Amino acid sequence: MTGEELVAFAKSKLGVPYVYGMKGKVMTEALYNRLKQTYGDLIWDSDKQKIGKVCCDCSGLISWATGIARSSQNYHDTALAIEPISTISNAPIGAAVWRKGHIGIYIGNGEYVAEMAVLMDAESIS
């Protein structure tokens, strides 16, 4: 998958409900209960309203696109190169923008997609 294809995929998923630990699959009640037991307060009570919907989190967006299920830390640990955020203007479209516990996809012009809802200033992730 090219960086441009990854960005197009991510943009096509804007508005997909966020649930911590989800990787682009339909959330069932059993899955909600397992996530709640595993992650505790990171799974909100309001997430129960998302049962029956496809959901994902920040790393889940990339996992969904690539078919490789990883956490944000796993993506960091398997990166071919790691550059400081000050070099973001030189990053290729589709590059991972990472900080501990969070990951997004660089879309250019200093912005990235994360959690299927927000285009943000990439500097804010540092």
N, C-alpha and C. Protein backbone atom coordinates (compact mmCIF):
# COMPACT_ATOMS: atom_id res chain seq x y z
N MET A 1 0.85 -1.17 0.00
CA MET A 1 0.00 0.00 0.00
C MET A 1 0.90 1.24 0.00
N THR A 2 0.62 2.16 -0.88
CA THR A 2 1.40 3.40 -0.92
C THR A 2 0.91 4.36 0.15
N GLY A 3 1.71 5.38 0.41
CA GLY A 3 1.30 6.40 1.36
C GLY A 3 0.02 7.09 0.93
N GLU A 4 -0.09 7.37 -0.36
CA GLU A 4 -1.30 8.02 -0.88
C GLU A 4 -2.53 7.12 -0.70
N GLU A 5 -2.35 5.82 -0.91
CA GLU A 5 -3.46 4.88 -0.71
C GLU A 5 -3.86 4.81 0.76
N LEU A 6 -2.89 4.85 1.65
CA LEU A 6 -3.18 4.84 3.08
C LEU A 6 -3.96 6.08 3.48
N VAL A 7 -3.54 7.24 2.97
CA VAL A 7 -4.25 8.49 3.27
C VAL A 7 -5.68 8.43 2.73
N ALA A 8 -5.86 7.95 1.50
CA ALA A 8 -7.20 7.85 0.92
C ALA A 8 -8.08 6.91 1.76
N PHE A 9 -7.51 5.79 2.21
CA PHE A 9 -8.25 4.87 3.06
C PHE A 9 -8.66 5.57 4.35
N ALA A 10 -7.71 6.23 5.00
CA ALA A 10 -8.00 6.90 6.27
C ALA A 10 -9.08 7.96 6.10
N LYS A 11 -8.99 8.75 5.05
CA LYS A 11 -10.00 9.80 4.82
C LYS A 11 -11.37 9.19 4.56
N SER A 12 -11.40 8.01 3.94
CA SER A 12 -12.69 7.36 3.67
C SER A 12 -13.33 6.83 4.94
N LYS A 13 -12.56 6.76 6.03
CA LYS A 13 -13.08 6.24 7.30
C LYS A 13 -13.38 7.35 8.31
N LEU A 14 -13.23 8.60 7.92
CA LEU A 14 -13.58 9.70 8.82
C LEU A 14 -15.02 9.52 9.29
N GLY A 15 -15.24 9.62 10.57
CA GLY A 15 -16.58 9.45 11.14
C GLY A 15 -16.85 8.06 11.70
N VAL A 16 -15.97 7.08 11.44
CA VAL A 16 -16.14 5.76 12.04
C VAL A 16 -15.98 5.91 13.55
N PRO A 17 -16.87 5.30 14.34
CA PRO A 17 -16.80 5.46 15.79
C PRO A 17 -15.47 4.98 16.38
N TYR A 18 -14.96 5.75 17.34
CA TYR A 18 -13.74 5.43 18.06
C TYR A 18 -14.06 4.55 19.26
N VAL A 19 -13.33 3.45 19.38
CA VAL A 19 -13.34 2.63 20.59
C VAL A 19 -11.92 2.11 20.77
N TYR A 20 -11.36 2.38 21.92
CA TYR A 20 -10.00 1.94 22.23
C TYR A 20 -9.87 0.44 22.04
N GLY A 21 -8.84 0.02 21.32
CA GLY A 21 -8.57 -1.40 21.13
C GLY A 21 -9.23 -2.02 19.91
N MET A 22 -10.10 -1.28 19.23
CA MET A 22 -10.78 -1.83 18.06
C MET A 22 -9.92 -1.62 16.81
N LYS A 23 -10.04 -2.54 15.87
CA LYS A 23 -9.19 -2.54 14.68
C LYS A 23 -10.00 -2.60 13.38
N GLY A 24 -11.15 -1.91 13.34
CA GLY A 24 -11.92 -1.87 12.10
C GLY A 24 -12.86 -3.04 11.92
N LYS A 25 -13.37 -3.54 13.02
CA LYS A 25 -14.31 -4.65 13.00
C LYS A 25 -15.61 -4.22 13.66
N VAL A 26 -16.66 -5.02 13.45
CA VAL A 26 -17.94 -4.75 14.11
C VAL A 26 -17.80 -5.10 15.58
N MET A 27 -18.19 -4.18 16.44
CA MET A 27 -18.13 -4.43 17.88
C MET A 27 -19.39 -5.16 18.32
N THR A 28 -19.18 -6.31 18.92
CA THR A 28 -20.27 -7.10 19.48
C THR A 28 -20.33 -6.83 20.99
N GLU A 29 -21.38 -7.31 21.61
CA GLU A 29 -21.47 -7.15 23.06
C GLU A 29 -20.36 -7.94 23.76
N ALA A 30 -20.08 -9.13 23.27
CA ALA A 30 -19.00 -9.94 23.86
C ALA A 30 -17.66 -9.23 23.70
N LEU A 31 -17.42 -8.62 22.55
CA LEU A 31 -16.17 -7.90 22.34
C LEU A 31 -16.10 -6.66 23.23
N TYR A 32 -17.21 -5.94 23.36
CA TYR A 32 -17.25 -4.79 24.27
C TYR A 32 -16.89 -5.24 25.69
N ASN A 33 -17.49 -6.32 26.15
CA ASN A 33 -17.23 -6.81 27.51
C ASN A 33 -15.76 -7.22 27.67
N ARG A 34 -15.19 -7.87 26.66
CA ARG A 34 -13.79 -8.28 26.72
C ARG A 34 -12.87 -7.05 26.74
N LEU A 35 -13.16 -6.05 25.91
CA LEU A 35 -12.37 -4.82 25.91
C LEU A 35 -12.47 -4.11 27.25
N LYS A 36 -13.67 -4.05 27.80
CA LYS A 36 -13.90 -3.39 29.10
C LYS A 36 -13.10 -4.11 30.19
N GLN A 37 -13.10 -5.43 30.16
CA GLN A 37 -12.36 -6.20 31.15
C GLN A 37 -10.85 -6.01 30.97
N THR A 38 -10.40 -5.96 29.74
CA THR A 38 -8.97 -5.83 29.44
C THR A 38 -8.45 -4.42 29.70
N TYR A 39 -9.18 -3.41 29.25
CA TYR A 39 -8.67 -2.03 29.27
C TYR A 39 -9.33 -1.13 30.31
N GLY A 40 -10.32 -1.63 31.02
CA GLY A 40 -10.94 -0.86 32.09
C GLY A 40 -11.51 0.47 31.64
N ASP A 41 -11.09 1.55 32.29
CA ASP A 41 -11.65 2.88 32.04
C ASP A 41 -11.34 3.44 30.66
N LEU A 42 -10.43 2.80 29.93
CA LEU A 42 -10.18 3.25 28.55
C LEU A 42 -11.35 2.91 27.63
N ILE A 43 -12.20 2.00 28.09
CA ILE A 43 -13.43 1.66 27.37
C ILE A 43 -14.56 2.37 28.10
N TRP A 44 -15.13 3.33 27.43
CA TRP A 44 -16.15 4.17 28.06
C TRP A 44 -17.49 3.44 28.11
N ASP A 45 -18.29 3.76 29.13
CA ASP A 45 -19.63 3.18 29.22
C ASP A 45 -20.44 3.53 27.97
N SER A 46 -20.23 4.73 27.42
CA SER A 46 -20.96 5.16 26.22
C SER A 46 -20.57 4.34 24.99
N ASP A 47 -19.42 3.65 25.04
CA ASP A 47 -19.02 2.81 23.91
C ASP A 47 -20.00 1.67 23.69
N LYS A 48 -20.75 1.31 24.71
CA LYS A 48 -21.73 0.23 24.57
C LYS A 48 -22.77 0.57 23.51
N GLN A 49 -23.01 1.86 23.30
CA GLN A 49 -23.97 2.31 22.28
C GLN A 49 -23.45 2.05 20.86
N LYS A 50 -22.18 1.69 20.74
CA LYS A 50 -21.57 1.46 19.42
C LYS A 50 -21.60 -0.01 19.01
N ILE A 51 -22.18 -0.86 19.86
CA ILE A 51 -22.32 -2.28 19.52
C ILE A 51 -23.10 -2.38 18.22
N GLY A 52 -22.61 -3.22 17.32
CA GLY A 52 -23.23 -3.38 16.01
C GLY A 52 -22.62 -2.51 14.94
N LYS A 53 -21.70 -1.62 15.33
CA LYS A 53 -21.04 -0.72 14.38
C LYS A 53 -19.57 -1.10 14.22
N VAL A 54 -19.03 -0.82 13.05
CA VAL A 54 -17.59 -0.97 12.84
C VAL A 54 -16.91 0.15 13.61
N CYS A 55 -15.91 -0.19 14.41
CA CYS A 55 -15.21 0.78 15.26
C CYS A 55 -13.71 0.54 15.16
N CYS A 56 -12.93 1.56 15.47
CA CYS A 56 -11.50 1.37 15.59
C CYS A 56 -10.89 2.53 16.38
N ASP A 57 -9.63 2.34 16.75
CA ASP A 57 -8.88 3.39 17.43
C ASP A 57 -7.78 3.87 16.50
N CYS A 58 -6.86 4.66 17.00
CA CYS A 58 -5.84 5.27 16.14
C CYS A 58 -4.97 4.22 15.45
N SER A 59 -4.44 3.26 16.20
CA SER A 59 -3.63 2.22 15.56
C SER A 59 -4.51 1.27 14.77
N GLY A 60 -5.75 1.14 15.18
CA GLY A 60 -6.69 0.29 14.46
C GLY A 60 -6.95 0.78 13.05
N LEU A 61 -6.88 2.09 12.85
CA LEU A 61 -7.09 2.63 11.51
C LEU A 61 -6.00 2.12 10.55
N ILE A 62 -4.76 2.14 11.00
CA ILE A 62 -3.65 1.65 10.17
C ILE A 62 -3.73 0.13 10.04
N SER A 63 -4.05 -0.55 11.13
CA SER A 63 -4.20 -2.00 11.10
C SER A 63 -5.29 -2.42 10.11
N TRP A 64 -6.39 -1.71 10.12
CA TRP A 64 -7.51 -1.98 9.22
C TRP A 64 -7.06 -1.83 7.77
N ALA A 65 -6.33 -0.78 7.50
CA ALA A 65 -5.87 -0.51 6.14
C ALA A 65 -4.86 -1.54 5.65
N THR A 66 -3.94 -1.93 6.52
CA THR A 66 -2.83 -2.79 6.10
C THR A 66 -3.08 -4.28 6.32
N GLY A 67 -4.03 -4.59 7.19
CA GLY A 67 -4.26 -5.99 7.54
C GLY A 67 -3.25 -6.52 8.54
N ILE A 68 -2.43 -5.63 9.10
CA ILE A 68 -1.43 -6.02 10.10
C ILE A 68 -1.82 -5.39 11.43
N ALA A 69 -2.34 -6.20 12.35
CA ALA A 69 -2.83 -5.68 13.63
C ALA A 69 -1.65 -5.38 14.56
N ARG A 70 -1.49 -4.10 14.88
CA ARG A 70 -0.44 -3.66 15.80
C ARG A 70 -0.98 -2.52 16.66
N SER A 71 -0.35 -2.34 17.80
CA SER A 71 -0.63 -1.18 18.65
C SER A 71 0.23 -0.01 18.16
N SER A 72 -0.02 1.18 18.68
CA SER A 72 0.81 2.32 18.29
C SER A 72 2.27 2.07 18.67
N GLN A 73 2.52 1.46 19.82
CA GLN A 73 3.89 1.15 20.23
C GLN A 73 4.53 0.13 19.28
N ASN A 74 3.76 -0.87 18.86
CA ASN A 74 4.30 -1.86 17.92
C ASN A 74 4.66 -1.22 16.58
N TYR A 75 3.85 -0.26 16.13
CA TYR A 75 4.20 0.45 14.89
C TYR A 75 5.51 1.21 15.08
N HIS A 76 5.67 1.87 16.21
CA HIS A 76 6.90 2.59 16.49
C HIS A 76 8.09 1.63 16.48
N ASP A 77 7.94 0.50 17.16
CA ASP A 77 9.04 -0.44 17.32
C ASP A 77 9.45 -1.11 16.01
N THR A 78 8.55 -1.15 15.03
CA THR A 78 8.86 -1.78 13.75
C THR A 78 9.14 -0.76 12.64
N ALA A 79 9.23 0.51 12.98
CA ALA A 79 9.49 1.56 11.98
C ALA A 79 10.87 1.38 11.36
N LEU A 80 10.96 1.66 10.08
CA LEU A 80 12.24 1.59 9.39
C LEU A 80 13.12 2.78 9.73
N ALA A 81 12.50 3.92 10.03
CA ALA A 81 13.23 5.13 10.42
C ALA A 81 12.35 5.94 11.36
N ILE A 82 12.98 6.62 12.29
CA ILE A 82 12.26 7.50 13.22
C ILE A 82 12.91 8.86 13.16
N GLU A 83 12.10 9.87 12.86
CA GLU A 83 12.58 11.24 12.71
C GLU A 83 11.88 12.14 13.73
N PRO A 84 12.52 13.21 14.17
CA PRO A 84 11.86 14.13 15.10
C PRO A 84 10.73 14.90 14.41
N ILE A 85 9.75 15.31 15.19
CA ILE A 85 8.58 16.02 14.66
C ILE A 85 9.00 17.30 13.94
N SER A 86 10.14 17.87 14.29
CA SER A 86 10.60 19.09 13.64
C SER A 86 10.86 18.88 12.14
N THR A 87 10.96 17.64 11.71
CA THR A 87 11.21 17.34 10.29
C THR A 87 9.93 16.96 9.55
N ILE A 88 8.77 17.17 10.15
CA ILE A 88 7.50 16.71 9.56
C ILE A 88 7.28 17.26 8.17
N SER A 89 7.74 18.46 7.88
CA SER A 89 7.51 19.02 6.55
C SER A 89 8.25 18.22 5.46
N ASN A 90 9.22 17.43 5.84
CA ASN A 90 9.94 16.58 4.89
C ASN A 90 9.37 15.17 4.80
N ALA A 91 8.38 14.85 5.62
CA ALA A 91 7.83 13.50 5.67
C ALA A 91 7.01 13.20 4.42
N PRO A 92 7.05 11.96 3.97
CA PRO A 92 6.21 11.58 2.83
C PRO A 92 4.75 11.45 3.24
N ILE A 93 3.86 11.66 2.31
CA ILE A 93 2.43 11.44 2.55
C ILE A 93 2.26 9.98 2.99
N GLY A 94 1.50 9.77 4.04
CA GLY A 94 1.26 8.43 4.56
C GLY A 94 2.21 8.00 5.66
N ALA A 95 3.17 8.86 6.00
CA ALA A 95 4.09 8.53 7.10
C ALA A 95 3.33 8.46 8.41
N ALA A 96 3.78 7.60 9.30
CA ALA A 96 3.19 7.53 10.63
C ALA A 96 3.69 8.69 11.47
N VAL A 97 2.78 9.32 12.18
CA VAL A 97 3.11 10.38 13.13
C VAL A 97 2.79 9.79 14.49
N TRP A 98 3.81 9.64 15.35
CA TRP A 98 3.67 8.86 16.58
C TRP A 98 4.12 9.63 17.80
N ARG A 99 3.42 9.40 18.89
CA ARG A 99 3.89 9.74 20.23
C ARG A 99 3.41 8.60 21.12
N LYS A 100 3.99 8.48 22.28
CA LYS A 100 3.64 7.36 23.15
C LYS A 100 2.13 7.26 23.33
N GLY A 101 1.59 6.10 22.96
CA GLY A 101 0.17 5.84 23.12
C GLY A 101 -0.72 6.35 22.01
N HIS A 102 -0.13 6.92 20.95
CA HIS A 102 -0.97 7.48 19.89
C HIS A 102 -0.23 7.44 18.55
N ILE A 103 -0.98 7.28 17.48
CA ILE A 103 -0.41 7.28 16.13
C ILE A 103 -1.41 7.88 15.16
N GLY A 104 -0.90 8.56 14.16
CA GLY A 104 -1.73 9.11 13.10
C GLY A 104 -1.04 8.92 11.77
N ILE A 105 -1.69 9.38 10.71
CA ILE A 105 -1.18 9.25 9.35
C ILE A 105 -1.00 10.64 8.78
N TYR A 106 0.22 10.97 8.37
CA TYR A 106 0.52 12.29 7.83
C TYR A 106 -0.12 12.46 6.45
N ILE A 107 -0.87 13.55 6.27
CA ILE A 107 -1.55 13.78 5.00
C ILE A 107 -0.98 14.98 4.24
N GLY A 108 0.07 15.59 4.80
CA GLY A 108 0.69 16.74 4.15
C GLY A 108 0.25 18.04 4.77
N ASN A 109 0.92 19.10 4.41
CA ASN A 109 0.59 20.44 4.90
C ASN A 109 0.54 20.54 6.42
N GLY A 110 1.36 19.73 7.10
CA GLY A 110 1.41 19.77 8.55
C GLY A 110 0.22 19.14 9.24
N GLU A 111 -0.59 18.36 8.54
CA GLU A 111 -1.79 17.76 9.13
C GLU A 111 -1.71 16.24 9.09
N TYR A 112 -2.43 15.62 10.02
CA TYR A 112 -2.52 14.16 10.04
C TYR A 112 -3.92 13.72 10.38
N VAL A 113 -4.25 12.49 10.04
CA VAL A 113 -5.55 11.88 10.34
C VAL A 113 -5.32 10.91 11.49
N ALA A 114 -6.20 10.98 12.46
CA ALA A 114 -6.16 10.04 13.58
C ALA A 114 -7.57 9.85 14.12
N GLU A 115 -7.85 8.67 14.56
CA GLU A 115 -9.12 8.36 15.21
C GLU A 115 -10.32 8.66 14.34
N MET A 116 -10.14 8.57 13.05
CA MET A 116 -11.21 8.64 12.06
C MET A 116 -12.09 9.87 12.16
N ALA A 117 -11.63 10.91 12.84
CA ALA A 117 -12.50 12.06 12.98
C ALA A 117 -11.81 13.39 12.84
N VAL A 118 -10.54 13.48 13.12
CA VAL A 118 -9.94 14.79 13.30
C VAL A 118 -8.72 14.96 12.41
N LEU A 119 -8.65 16.06 11.72
CA LEU A 119 -7.43 16.47 11.03
C LEU A 119 -6.75 17.47 11.96
N MET A 120 -5.51 17.19 12.32
CA MET A 120 -4.86 17.99 13.34
C MET A 120 -3.53 18.52 12.84
N ASP A 121 -3.03 19.49 13.54
CA ASP A 121 -1.69 20.01 13.31
C ASP A 121 -0.70 18.95 13.78
N ALA A 122 0.14 18.47 12.89
CA ALA A 122 1.07 17.40 13.24
C ALA A 122 2.00 17.80 14.37
N GLU A 123 2.29 19.06 14.51
CA GLU A 123 3.15 19.51 15.62
C GLU A 123 2.53 19.18 16.97
N SER A 124 1.19 19.09 17.03
CA SER A 124 0.53 18.84 18.31
C SER A 124 0.73 17.43 18.83
N ILE A 125 1.17 16.53 17.98
CA ILE A 125 1.38 15.15 18.43
C ILE A 125 2.72 14.96 19.09
N SER A 126 3.62 15.91 18.95
CA SER A 126 4.96 15.74 19.51
C SER A 126 4.96 15.82 21.03
